[in-house]
N, C-alpha and C. Protein backbone atom coordinates (compact mmCIF):
# COMPACT_ATOMS: atom_id res chain seq x y z
N MET A 1 92.08 197.17 38.36
CA MET A 1 90.53 197.83 38.35
C MET A 1 89.90 197.61 40.13
N LYS A 2 89.49 198.51 40.79
CA LYS A 2 88.79 198.34 41.64
C LYS A 2 87.31 198.07 41.90
N ILE A 3 86.82 197.39 42.45
CA ILE A 3 85.56 196.84 42.44
C ILE A 3 84.91 196.60 43.93
N VAL A 4 83.70 197.33 43.90
CA VAL A 4 83.20 198.13 44.58
C VAL A 4 81.43 197.38 44.90
N SER A 5 81.34 196.75 46.11
CA SER A 5 80.26 196.65 46.42
C SER A 5 78.84 198.03 46.28
N ALA A 6 77.43 197.60 46.60
CA ALA A 6 76.58 198.51 46.31
C ALA A 6 76.81 199.55 47.42
N ALA A 7 76.44 198.74 48.73
CA ALA A 7 76.99 199.62 49.94
C ALA A 7 78.35 200.60 50.32
N GLU A 8 79.70 199.79 49.73
CA GLU A 8 80.79 200.65 49.29
C GLU A 8 80.51 202.04 48.56
N MET A 9 79.65 201.47 47.35
CA MET A 9 79.51 203.03 46.40
C MET A 9 78.53 203.97 46.95
N ARG A 10 77.41 203.65 48.00
CA ARG A 10 77.02 204.78 48.92
C ARG A 10 77.65 205.52 49.50
N GLU A 11 79.03 204.65 50.31
CA GLU A 11 79.91 205.74 51.25
C GLU A 11 80.37 206.01 50.33
N ILE A 12 80.83 206.02 49.32
CA ILE A 12 82.04 207.00 47.95
C ILE A 12 80.85 207.81 47.96
N ASP A 13 79.72 207.96 47.54
CA ASP A 13 78.54 209.08 47.54
C ASP A 13 78.50 209.82 48.38
N ARG A 14 78.19 209.30 49.42
CA ARG A 14 78.01 210.32 50.82
C ARG A 14 79.79 211.00 51.22
N VAL A 15 80.77 210.23 50.87
CA VAL A 15 81.65 211.43 51.13
C VAL A 15 82.16 211.90 50.03
N THR A 16 81.71 211.78 48.68
CA THR A 16 81.97 213.07 47.47
C THR A 16 81.07 213.96 47.61
N THR A 17 80.07 214.55 48.73
CA THR A 17 79.09 214.99 48.88
C THR A 17 79.16 215.59 49.82
N GLU A 18 79.51 215.29 51.10
CA GLU A 18 79.92 215.93 52.56
C GLU A 18 81.08 216.36 52.93
N ARG A 19 82.33 215.81 51.87
CA ARG A 19 83.87 215.70 51.94
C ARG A 19 84.21 217.03 50.61
N PHE A 20 83.52 216.54 49.91
CA PHE A 20 84.21 217.32 48.52
C PHE A 20 83.42 218.43 47.99
N GLY A 21 81.94 218.48 48.85
CA GLY A 21 80.64 219.31 48.25
C GLY A 21 80.56 219.14 46.98
N VAL A 22 80.25 218.14 46.47
CA VAL A 22 80.00 218.00 45.12
C VAL A 22 78.37 217.60 45.24
N PRO A 23 77.77 218.63 44.75
CA PRO A 23 75.98 218.54 45.02
C PRO A 23 75.52 217.41 43.93
N SER A 24 74.69 216.46 44.95
CA SER A 24 73.87 215.62 43.60
C SER A 24 73.44 215.95 42.68
N LEU A 25 73.11 217.01 42.57
CA LEU A 25 72.27 217.63 41.37
C LEU A 25 73.27 217.25 40.50
N THR A 26 74.66 217.89 40.56
CA THR A 26 75.97 217.99 39.44
C THR A 26 76.04 216.63 39.43
N LEU A 27 76.10 215.59 40.24
CA LEU A 27 76.50 214.12 39.75
C LEU A 27 75.08 214.03 39.16
N MET A 28 74.13 214.18 39.06
CA MET A 28 72.97 213.10 38.47
C MET A 28 73.44 214.21 36.68
N GLU A 29 73.48 215.07 36.75
CA GLU A 29 73.89 215.87 35.16
C GLU A 29 75.02 215.26 34.84
N ASN A 30 76.18 215.12 35.50
CA ASN A 30 77.35 214.04 34.98
C ASN A 30 76.89 213.18 34.25
N ALA A 31 76.18 212.12 35.15
CA ALA A 31 75.90 210.52 34.70
C ALA A 31 75.01 210.92 33.43
N GLY A 32 73.89 211.91 33.48
CA GLY A 32 72.91 211.45 32.62
C GLY A 32 73.95 212.03 30.81
N ALA A 33 74.73 212.78 31.50
CA ALA A 33 75.34 213.81 30.28
C ALA A 33 76.59 212.19 29.91
N ALA A 34 77.00 211.65 30.69
CA ALA A 34 77.98 210.31 30.13
C ALA A 34 77.09 209.37 29.48
N VAL A 35 75.77 209.11 29.80
CA VAL A 35 75.39 208.57 29.09
C VAL A 35 74.87 209.08 27.55
N ALA A 36 74.61 210.13 27.53
CA ALA A 36 74.04 210.87 26.05
C ALA A 36 75.40 210.63 25.31
N ASP A 37 76.41 211.04 25.92
CA ASP A 37 77.94 211.20 24.92
C ASP A 37 78.40 209.90 24.63
N PHE A 38 78.07 208.67 25.44
CA PHE A 38 78.18 206.98 24.90
C PHE A 38 77.12 207.27 23.69
N VAL A 39 76.14 207.18 24.13
CA VAL A 39 75.13 206.88 22.88
C VAL A 39 75.50 207.78 21.37
N ARG A 40 75.77 209.19 21.85
CA ARG A 40 76.43 209.89 20.56
C ARG A 40 77.72 209.09 19.64
N LYS A 41 78.47 208.76 20.55
CA LYS A 41 79.64 207.95 19.96
C LYS A 41 79.37 206.62 19.52
N GLN A 42 78.56 205.94 20.38
CA GLN A 42 78.77 204.32 19.95
C GLN A 42 77.31 204.16 18.95
N TYR A 43 76.55 204.80 19.22
CA TYR A 43 75.25 204.72 18.50
C TYR A 43 74.56 205.68 17.50
N PRO A 44 75.47 206.60 16.89
CA PRO A 44 75.56 207.79 15.92
C PRO A 44 74.74 207.94 15.26
N ASP A 45 74.05 206.69 14.45
CA ASP A 45 72.53 206.32 13.35
C ASP A 45 71.77 206.03 14.22
N ALA A 46 71.40 205.96 15.49
CA ALA A 46 70.50 205.99 15.95
C ALA A 46 69.47 207.31 16.46
N ARG A 47 68.42 207.76 15.29
CA ARG A 47 68.12 208.86 15.27
C ARG A 47 67.10 208.86 16.32
N ARG A 48 66.30 207.98 16.14
CA ARG A 48 65.23 208.01 17.22
C ARG A 48 65.13 206.98 18.82
N VAL A 49 65.17 207.49 19.92
CA VAL A 49 65.51 207.15 21.13
C VAL A 49 64.50 207.14 21.58
N SER A 50 64.19 205.89 22.66
CA SER A 50 63.40 205.97 23.50
C SER A 50 63.98 205.65 24.89
N VAL A 51 63.40 206.51 26.32
CA VAL A 51 64.25 206.31 27.05
C VAL A 51 63.57 205.93 28.24
N ILE A 52 63.43 204.61 29.34
CA ILE A 52 62.62 204.12 30.09
C ILE A 52 62.94 204.33 31.52
N CYS A 53 61.96 205.16 31.93
CA CYS A 53 62.41 205.71 33.27
C CYS A 53 61.71 205.29 34.40
N GLY A 54 62.43 205.13 35.63
CA GLY A 54 61.48 204.90 37.20
C GLY A 54 61.36 206.04 37.58
N LYS A 55 61.04 206.18 38.74
CA LYS A 55 60.80 206.81 39.36
C LYS A 55 62.11 207.77 40.41
N GLY A 56 63.17 206.94 40.75
CA GLY A 56 64.20 206.79 41.32
C GLY A 56 65.41 207.61 40.58
N ASN A 57 66.42 207.79 41.35
CA ASN A 57 67.69 208.78 40.92
C ASN A 57 67.89 208.25 39.47
N ASN A 58 67.58 206.82 39.02
CA ASN A 58 68.54 205.84 37.61
C ASN A 58 67.43 206.66 36.59
N GLY A 59 65.93 206.87 36.82
CA GLY A 59 65.27 207.61 36.22
C GLY A 59 65.31 209.32 35.83
N GLY A 60 65.70 209.85 36.96
CA GLY A 60 66.49 210.95 36.55
C GLY A 60 67.91 211.56 36.14
N ASP A 61 68.43 210.12 36.06
CA ASP A 61 69.68 210.11 35.03
C ASP A 61 69.04 209.75 33.83
N GLY A 62 67.84 209.38 33.43
CA GLY A 62 67.18 209.17 32.01
C GLY A 62 66.86 210.59 31.50
N PHE A 63 66.04 211.42 32.39
CA PHE A 63 65.85 212.29 32.06
C PHE A 63 67.16 213.43 31.20
N VAL A 64 68.25 213.15 32.09
CA VAL A 64 69.44 213.93 31.90
C VAL A 64 69.91 213.79 30.22
N ALA A 65 69.94 212.59 30.11
CA ALA A 65 70.30 211.64 29.32
C ALA A 65 69.13 212.24 27.69
N ALA A 66 67.96 212.16 27.73
CA ALA A 66 66.91 212.49 27.13
C ALA A 66 67.15 213.88 26.77
N ARG A 67 67.28 214.61 27.64
CA ARG A 67 67.64 216.14 27.31
C ARG A 67 68.84 216.50 26.20
N LYS A 68 69.53 216.17 26.82
CA LYS A 68 70.93 216.03 26.11
C LYS A 68 70.84 215.20 24.34
N LEU A 69 70.30 214.32 24.67
CA LEU A 69 70.26 213.83 22.94
C LEU A 69 69.20 214.59 22.01
N ARG A 70 67.66 214.95 22.74
CA ARG A 70 67.33 215.82 22.23
C ARG A 70 67.66 217.27 21.59
N GLU A 71 68.71 217.89 22.58
CA GLU A 71 69.41 218.75 22.06
C GLU A 71 70.35 219.02 21.05
N GLU A 72 70.63 217.52 21.01
CA GLU A 72 71.72 217.56 19.61
C GLU A 72 70.91 217.01 18.42
N GLY A 73 69.36 217.37 18.31
CA GLY A 73 68.78 216.64 17.37
C GLY A 73 67.94 215.63 17.33
N ARG A 74 68.27 214.68 18.30
CA ARG A 74 67.68 213.27 18.03
C ARG A 74 66.03 213.28 18.47
N GLU A 75 65.04 212.27 17.89
CA GLU A 75 64.05 211.85 18.71
C GLU A 75 63.79 211.18 19.79
N VAL A 76 62.98 212.22 20.75
CA VAL A 76 63.31 210.95 22.10
C VAL A 76 61.83 211.37 22.52
N PHE A 77 61.69 209.96 22.40
CA PHE A 77 60.38 209.37 23.22
C PHE A 77 60.40 208.78 24.46
N VAL A 78 60.02 209.95 25.64
CA VAL A 78 60.28 209.26 27.41
C VAL A 78 59.01 208.65 27.62
N VAL A 79 59.18 207.94 27.99
CA VAL A 79 58.18 207.01 28.98
C VAL A 79 58.72 206.54 30.57
N LEU A 80 57.42 207.52 31.59
CA LEU A 80 57.71 207.53 32.66
C LEU A 80 56.59 206.45 33.53
N LEU A 81 57.45 205.21 34.03
CA LEU A 81 56.71 204.38 34.48
C LEU A 81 55.78 204.61 36.29
N ALA A 82 55.82 206.09 36.30
CA ALA A 82 55.05 206.48 37.61
C ALA A 82 54.41 207.81 37.58
N ASP A 83 53.22 208.06 38.13
CA ASP A 83 53.03 209.50 38.05
C ASP A 83 54.33 210.70 38.78
N PRO A 84 54.00 211.33 38.03
CA PRO A 84 55.04 212.34 37.97
C PRO A 84 55.20 213.19 39.40
N LYS A 85 53.76 212.90 40.17
CA LYS A 85 53.93 213.67 41.59
C LYS A 85 54.69 212.83 42.60
N GLU A 86 55.01 211.74 41.92
CA GLU A 86 55.58 210.41 42.84
C GLU A 86 57.18 210.62 42.66
N LEU A 87 57.83 211.57 41.58
CA LEU A 87 59.31 211.81 41.60
C LEU A 87 59.63 212.91 42.95
N ARG A 88 60.87 212.48 43.20
CA ARG A 88 61.50 213.49 44.84
C ARG A 88 62.83 214.02 44.53
N GLY A 89 63.32 215.04 44.80
CA GLY A 89 64.51 215.33 44.79
C GLY A 89 65.04 215.34 43.86
N ASP A 90 66.42 215.32 43.36
CA ASP A 90 67.39 215.37 42.02
C ASP A 90 66.33 215.23 40.86
N ALA A 91 65.61 213.95 41.12
CA ALA A 91 64.87 213.34 40.23
C ALA A 91 64.03 214.24 39.66
N ALA A 92 63.22 214.42 40.71
CA ALA A 92 62.02 215.82 40.35
C ALA A 92 62.33 216.94 39.82
N GLN A 93 63.94 217.45 39.93
CA GLN A 93 63.99 218.61 39.57
C GLN A 93 64.54 218.31 37.93
N MET A 94 65.42 217.27 37.51
CA MET A 94 65.49 216.79 36.23
C MET A 94 64.35 216.69 35.65
N TYR A 95 63.53 215.93 36.06
CA TYR A 95 62.17 216.19 35.28
C TYR A 95 61.61 217.41 34.51
N GLN A 96 61.56 218.30 35.54
CA GLN A 96 61.02 219.80 35.52
C GLN A 96 62.26 220.42 34.14
N ARG A 97 63.91 219.82 34.11
CA ARG A 97 64.37 220.67 33.18
C ARG A 97 64.31 219.65 31.84
N MET A 98 63.44 218.54 31.94
CA MET A 98 64.15 217.77 30.80
C MET A 98 63.53 218.17 29.59
N GLY A 99 62.34 219.21 29.30
CA GLY A 99 61.59 220.01 28.37
C GLY A 99 60.85 219.88 27.21
N GLN A 100 60.40 218.58 27.92
CA GLN A 100 59.53 217.64 27.22
C GLN A 100 58.77 216.97 27.95
N SER A 101 57.45 216.77 27.22
CA SER A 101 56.48 215.94 28.35
C SER A 101 56.33 214.32 28.20
N PRO A 102 56.76 213.43 28.96
CA PRO A 102 56.85 212.05 28.59
C PRO A 102 55.70 211.37 28.60
N VAL A 103 55.66 209.87 28.13
CA VAL A 103 54.56 209.48 28.12
C VAL A 103 54.13 208.67 29.40
N VAL A 104 53.50 209.19 30.34
CA VAL A 104 53.30 208.47 31.59
C VAL A 104 52.29 207.37 31.54
N ALA A 105 53.07 206.12 31.96
CA ALA A 105 52.44 205.03 32.20
C ALA A 105 52.49 204.54 33.55
N LYS A 106 51.03 204.41 34.34
CA LYS A 106 51.55 204.46 35.77
C LYS A 106 50.19 202.84 36.05
N SER A 107 49.79 202.16 34.75
CA SER A 107 49.29 200.73 34.87
C SER A 107 49.36 200.12 33.90
N HIS A 108 49.19 199.05 33.85
CA HIS A 108 49.40 197.60 33.02
C HIS A 108 48.47 198.29 31.29
N ASP A 109 47.23 198.57 31.66
CA ASP A 109 46.86 199.30 30.77
C ASP A 109 47.43 200.44 29.89
N GLU A 110 47.61 201.33 30.64
CA GLU A 110 48.45 202.68 30.09
C GLU A 110 49.91 202.28 29.41
N PHE A 111 50.63 200.99 29.99
CA PHE A 111 52.08 200.67 29.66
C PHE A 111 51.98 199.71 28.08
N GLU A 112 50.48 199.05 27.94
CA GLU A 112 50.42 198.16 27.25
C GLU A 112 49.36 198.95 25.85
N ALA A 113 49.30 200.11 26.12
CA ALA A 113 48.75 201.30 24.69
C ALA A 113 49.94 201.48 24.40
N ILE A 114 51.03 202.27 24.88
CA ILE A 114 52.44 202.36 24.38
C ILE A 114 53.23 201.31 23.67
N GLN A 115 52.86 200.27 24.61
CA GLN A 115 54.48 199.07 24.18
C GLN A 115 54.90 198.92 22.70
N HIS A 116 53.93 199.23 21.79
CA HIS A 116 54.17 199.00 20.18
C HIS A 116 55.18 199.77 19.88
N ARG A 117 55.71 200.73 20.76
CA ARG A 117 56.27 202.43 19.92
C ARG A 117 58.17 201.87 20.51
N LEU A 118 58.09 200.69 21.67
CA LEU A 118 59.37 200.41 21.98
C LEU A 118 60.31 199.75 20.94
N ALA A 119 59.28 199.04 19.79
CA ALA A 119 59.78 198.03 18.60
C ALA A 119 60.21 199.13 17.22
N GLU A 120 59.50 200.76 17.48
CA GLU A 120 59.62 201.58 16.58
C GLU A 120 60.41 202.57 16.68
N VAL A 121 61.59 202.39 17.65
CA VAL A 121 63.01 203.38 17.71
C VAL A 121 64.25 202.55 17.26
N ASP A 122 65.35 203.74 17.19
CA ASP A 122 66.55 202.82 16.83
C ASP A 122 67.39 202.44 18.01
N LEU A 123 66.85 202.99 19.29
CA LEU A 123 67.98 202.29 20.75
C LEU A 123 66.63 202.71 21.62
N LEU A 124 66.84 202.00 22.59
CA LEU A 124 66.38 201.93 24.05
C LEU A 124 67.12 202.51 25.03
N ILE A 125 67.15 203.19 25.73
CA ILE A 125 67.71 203.59 27.07
C ILE A 125 66.75 203.05 28.34
N ASP A 126 67.73 202.28 28.87
CA ASP A 126 67.12 201.49 30.37
C ASP A 126 67.78 202.65 31.30
N ALA A 127 66.58 203.28 32.05
CA ALA A 127 66.84 203.79 33.24
C ALA A 127 65.43 203.94 34.37
N ILE A 128 65.39 202.52 34.13
CA ILE A 128 64.18 202.03 35.05
C ILE A 128 64.89 202.01 36.61
N LEU A 129 66.14 201.26 36.84
CA LEU A 129 66.20 200.67 38.01
C LEU A 129 68.03 200.74 38.14
N GLY A 130 68.33 201.06 39.19
CA GLY A 130 69.80 201.00 39.42
C GLY A 130 70.21 200.04 40.27
N THR A 131 71.95 200.44 40.52
CA THR A 131 72.81 199.63 41.64
C THR A 131 72.41 199.57 42.92
N GLY A 132 71.21 200.71 43.34
CA GLY A 132 70.84 200.46 44.89
C GLY A 132 69.31 199.73 44.61
N PHE A 133 68.85 199.19 43.98
CA PHE A 133 67.77 198.45 43.93
C PHE A 133 68.35 196.62 44.29
N ARG A 134 67.06 196.27 44.92
CA ARG A 134 67.63 194.65 45.63
C ARG A 134 66.06 194.23 44.84
N PRO A 135 66.61 192.96 44.14
CA PRO A 135 65.66 192.14 43.68
C PRO A 135 64.61 191.47 44.66
N PRO A 136 63.78 190.92 44.56
CA PRO A 136 63.34 190.94 42.76
C PRO A 136 62.55 192.33 42.18
N VAL A 137 62.19 192.54 40.96
CA VAL A 137 61.23 193.44 40.15
C VAL A 137 60.18 192.28 39.77
N SER A 138 58.95 193.46 40.18
CA SER A 138 57.48 192.92 40.03
C SER A 138 57.11 194.26 39.19
N GLY A 139 55.44 193.52 39.17
CA GLY A 139 54.54 194.95 38.56
C GLY A 139 54.98 195.48 37.09
N LEU A 140 54.62 196.70 37.32
CA LEU A 140 54.79 196.90 36.08
C LEU A 140 56.55 197.47 35.88
N TYR A 141 57.39 197.85 36.64
CA TYR A 141 58.85 197.68 36.29
C TYR A 141 59.13 196.36 35.26
N ALA A 142 58.45 195.28 35.93
CA ALA A 142 58.80 193.83 35.10
C ALA A 142 58.43 193.56 34.10
N GLU A 143 57.26 194.62 34.03
CA GLU A 143 56.59 194.17 32.53
C GLU A 143 56.92 195.30 31.57
N ALA A 144 57.47 196.55 32.28
CA ALA A 144 58.61 197.40 30.73
C ALA A 144 59.65 196.13 30.66
N ILE A 145 60.33 195.94 31.53
CA ILE A 145 61.74 194.89 31.50
C ILE A 145 61.47 194.05 30.43
N ALA A 146 60.09 193.05 30.45
CA ALA A 146 59.75 192.22 29.74
C ALA A 146 59.80 192.86 28.08
N ALA A 147 59.19 194.30 27.99
CA ALA A 147 59.04 194.50 26.58
C ALA A 147 59.95 194.83 26.25
N MET A 148 60.89 195.49 27.07
CA MET A 148 62.48 196.07 26.30
C MET A 148 63.08 194.59 25.75
N ASN A 149 63.36 193.64 26.46
CA ASN A 149 63.65 192.24 26.09
C ASN A 149 63.03 191.59 25.11
N ALA A 150 61.64 192.12 24.67
CA ALA A 150 61.36 191.59 23.49
C ALA A 150 61.12 192.24 22.26
N SER A 151 61.92 193.60 22.49
CA SER A 151 61.57 194.62 21.52
C SER A 151 62.47 194.24 20.01
N GLY A 152 63.43 193.93 20.80
CA GLY A 152 64.70 193.43 19.22
C GLY A 152 65.33 194.25 19.01
N VAL A 153 65.34 195.67 19.67
CA VAL A 153 66.15 196.86 19.61
C VAL A 153 67.30 197.22 20.67
N PRO A 154 68.02 197.37 20.10
CA PRO A 154 69.55 197.59 21.22
C PRO A 154 69.20 198.34 22.60
N VAL A 155 69.89 197.74 23.41
CA VAL A 155 69.74 198.58 24.64
C VAL A 155 70.63 198.91 25.34
N VAL A 156 70.81 199.96 25.92
CA VAL A 156 71.90 200.65 26.84
C VAL A 156 71.41 200.98 28.17
N ALA A 157 71.91 200.35 29.17
CA ALA A 157 71.56 200.07 30.39
C ALA A 157 72.08 201.52 31.37
N VAL A 158 71.40 202.33 32.18
CA VAL A 158 72.01 203.21 32.80
C VAL A 158 72.33 202.26 34.26
N ASP A 159 73.76 202.55 34.59
CA ASP A 159 74.63 202.11 35.80
C ASP A 159 74.38 200.32 35.72
N ILE A 160 73.22 200.09 35.64
CA ILE A 160 73.44 198.24 35.62
C ILE A 160 71.54 197.96 34.60
N PRO A 161 71.63 196.81 34.18
CA PRO A 161 70.40 196.58 33.72
C PRO A 161 69.46 196.16 34.50
N SER A 162 68.12 196.86 34.67
CA SER A 162 66.98 197.00 35.65
C SER A 162 66.44 195.70 35.88
N GLY A 163 66.50 195.15 37.47
CA GLY A 163 66.54 194.19 37.81
C GLY A 163 67.41 193.27 38.45
N ALA A 164 68.79 193.89 38.04
CA ALA A 164 70.14 193.08 38.31
C ALA A 164 70.17 193.44 39.68
N ASP A 165 70.77 192.37 40.18
CA ASP A 165 71.28 192.48 41.89
C ASP A 165 73.36 192.85 41.57
N ALA A 166 73.20 194.07 42.28
CA ALA A 166 74.83 194.89 41.61
C ALA A 166 75.88 194.02 42.45
N ASP A 167 75.29 193.03 43.58
CA ASP A 167 76.58 192.66 44.07
C ASP A 167 76.56 190.81 44.09
N ALA A 168 75.51 190.65 43.27
CA ALA A 168 75.42 189.27 42.71
C ALA A 168 76.40 189.10 41.94
N MET A 169 77.82 187.63 42.03
CA MET A 169 78.63 187.14 41.44
C MET A 169 78.47 186.16 39.96
N GLY A 170 77.36 185.87 40.13
CA GLY A 170 76.94 184.67 38.78
C GLY A 170 75.68 185.25 37.95
N GLN A 171 75.33 184.19 37.96
CA GLN A 171 74.30 184.28 36.77
C GLN A 171 72.55 185.07 37.58
N GLN A 172 72.35 185.75 37.27
CA GLN A 172 70.84 186.78 37.83
C GLN A 172 69.72 185.92 37.31
N SER A 173 68.74 186.06 38.44
CA SER A 173 67.41 185.42 38.39
C SER A 173 66.82 186.64 38.21
N GLY A 174 65.41 186.42 37.71
CA GLY A 174 64.15 187.26 37.85
C GLY A 174 64.04 188.05 36.60
N ALA A 175 63.58 188.87 36.90
CA ALA A 175 63.06 189.70 35.71
C ALA A 175 64.55 190.71 35.54
N VAL A 176 65.12 190.21 34.90
CA VAL A 176 66.89 191.61 34.32
C VAL A 176 66.32 191.80 32.79
N ALA A 177 66.73 193.54 32.50
CA ALA A 177 66.81 193.52 31.37
C ALA A 177 68.04 193.06 30.21
N ARG A 178 67.85 193.13 29.30
CA ARG A 178 68.89 192.37 28.25
C ARG A 178 69.59 193.83 28.22
N ALA A 179 70.74 193.85 28.01
CA ALA A 179 71.76 195.06 27.72
C ALA A 179 72.30 194.82 26.37
N ASP A 180 72.47 195.38 25.83
CA ASP A 180 73.83 195.31 24.36
C ASP A 180 75.19 196.17 25.33
N ALA A 181 74.80 196.90 26.18
CA ALA A 181 75.77 197.84 26.50
C ALA A 181 75.36 198.54 27.59
N ILE A 182 76.26 198.69 29.02
CA ILE A 182 75.99 199.31 30.18
C ILE A 182 76.84 200.31 30.28
N VAL A 183 76.10 201.81 30.51
CA VAL A 183 76.98 203.01 31.37
C VAL A 183 77.21 202.70 32.75
N THR A 184 78.22 202.32 33.39
CA THR A 184 78.18 202.86 34.58
C THR A 184 79.37 203.70 35.36
N PHE A 185 79.86 204.07 36.51
CA PHE A 185 80.37 205.61 37.09
C PHE A 185 81.24 205.00 38.03
N THR A 186 82.24 205.90 38.49
CA THR A 186 83.49 205.52 39.32
C THR A 186 84.14 204.32 39.70
N ALA A 187 83.33 203.25 39.15
CA ALA A 187 84.18 201.95 39.52
C ALA A 187 82.84 200.26 39.42
N PRO A 188 83.11 199.48 39.06
CA PRO A 188 82.33 198.53 39.32
C PRO A 188 81.94 197.79 40.00
N ARG A 189 80.73 197.17 40.07
CA ARG A 189 79.97 196.54 41.27
C ARG A 189 80.52 195.01 40.86
N PRO A 190 80.55 194.13 41.76
CA PRO A 190 80.38 192.64 41.32
C PRO A 190 79.72 192.08 40.37
N ALA A 191 78.37 192.46 40.03
CA ALA A 191 77.82 192.33 38.76
C ALA A 191 78.21 192.97 37.93
N HIS A 192 78.80 194.06 37.30
CA HIS A 192 79.65 194.53 36.40
C HIS A 192 80.57 193.26 35.79
N VAL A 193 81.08 192.80 36.20
CA VAL A 193 82.53 192.15 36.12
C VAL A 193 82.23 190.84 36.25
N PHE A 194 81.59 190.13 37.46
CA PHE A 194 81.12 188.73 37.24
C PHE A 194 79.55 188.77 36.73
N GLY A 195 78.70 189.20 36.89
CA GLY A 195 77.34 188.76 36.50
C GLY A 195 76.62 188.79 35.14
N MET A 196 77.49 188.54 34.08
CA MET A 196 77.48 188.32 32.52
C MET A 196 75.98 189.14 32.33
N LEU A 197 76.20 190.24 32.50
CA LEU A 197 74.94 191.09 32.27
C LEU A 197 74.87 191.89 30.83
N THR A 198 76.19 191.86 30.11
CA THR A 198 76.09 191.83 28.86
C THR A 198 77.52 191.20 27.95
N ALA A 199 77.26 190.84 26.57
CA ALA A 199 78.22 190.36 26.23
C ALA A 199 79.21 191.46 25.72
N ARG A 200 78.86 192.76 25.83
CA ARG A 200 79.73 193.93 25.24
C ARG A 200 80.46 194.32 26.61
N PRO A 201 81.59 194.89 26.57
CA PRO A 201 82.19 195.76 27.65
C PRO A 201 81.27 196.74 28.34
N THR A 202 81.54 196.91 29.85
CA THR A 202 80.73 197.81 30.46
C THR A 202 81.81 199.05 30.24
N VAL A 203 80.88 199.86 29.86
CA VAL A 203 81.85 201.36 30.01
C VAL A 203 81.42 201.93 31.70
N ILE A 204 83.10 202.32 32.35
CA ILE A 204 83.06 202.87 33.29
C ILE A 204 83.35 204.45 33.38
N GLY A 205 82.37 205.53 33.50
CA GLY A 205 82.73 206.85 33.31
C GLY A 205 83.53 207.31 34.35
N PRO A 206 83.79 208.43 34.00
CA PRO A 206 85.03 208.47 35.44
C PRO A 206 84.51 209.65 36.22
N LEU A 207 82.90 210.02 36.24
CA LEU A 207 82.80 210.99 36.88
C LEU A 207 81.63 210.41 38.21
N LEU A 208 82.11 210.76 39.01
CA LEU A 208 81.47 210.62 40.04
C LEU A 208 79.76 210.57 40.42
N ARG A 209 79.28 209.79 40.84
CA ARG A 209 77.80 210.36 41.20
C ARG A 209 77.15 209.24 42.13
N LYS A 210 75.75 209.69 42.47
CA LYS A 210 75.02 209.03 43.51
C LYS A 210 74.92 207.46 43.18
N SER A 211 74.68 206.89 43.86
CA SER A 211 74.11 205.49 43.94
C SER A 211 72.81 205.73 42.73
N ARG A 212 72.04 204.26 42.12
CA ARG A 212 70.82 204.81 41.63
C ARG A 212 69.81 203.65 42.00
N ARG A 213 68.85 204.27 42.02
CA ARG A 213 67.59 203.51 42.77
C ARG A 213 66.72 203.76 41.57
């Protein structure tokens, strides 16, 4: 099994798009679809799912997963931790394709008003921050991570638990999401193997995709 650093993953992404002509939007669609497929197989009884999304590409993966799960009849509650106007590129396009309006929480007060709903679902999907992020995490994102950790609900992390350092070889510090399962792609980063991010195996999808922030 090959382990790649976050920088090496970015180079793989660049080559995938520039040399092989795979559109980044296709990579995001494939990534989100793989997350939804994992949930379908591993959590078949999770009828109510909440997807917590940041404003970057990791959130874009979450928008795709939300659309796929909703299409198969699950009740999906999407929380966007940013103003939709802040979305850019592929994430903005997947937001438009999602087919439902999320609950937008741009501040502490707005998030506090809906936080209780995170404990009322069967499964949480963490799509806040990906392997392109460099800790520490603070502010609203840190608050959302703490709420997920306190919810008592199983958490599936997209790419890596939010707040984690993808290149760390040991125990993580700071605000890091608790993950019951992780779905990443192409190859694991050091933290997936050595970072003690989850008690369960990390699932590595076969689909190339962009690094996530």
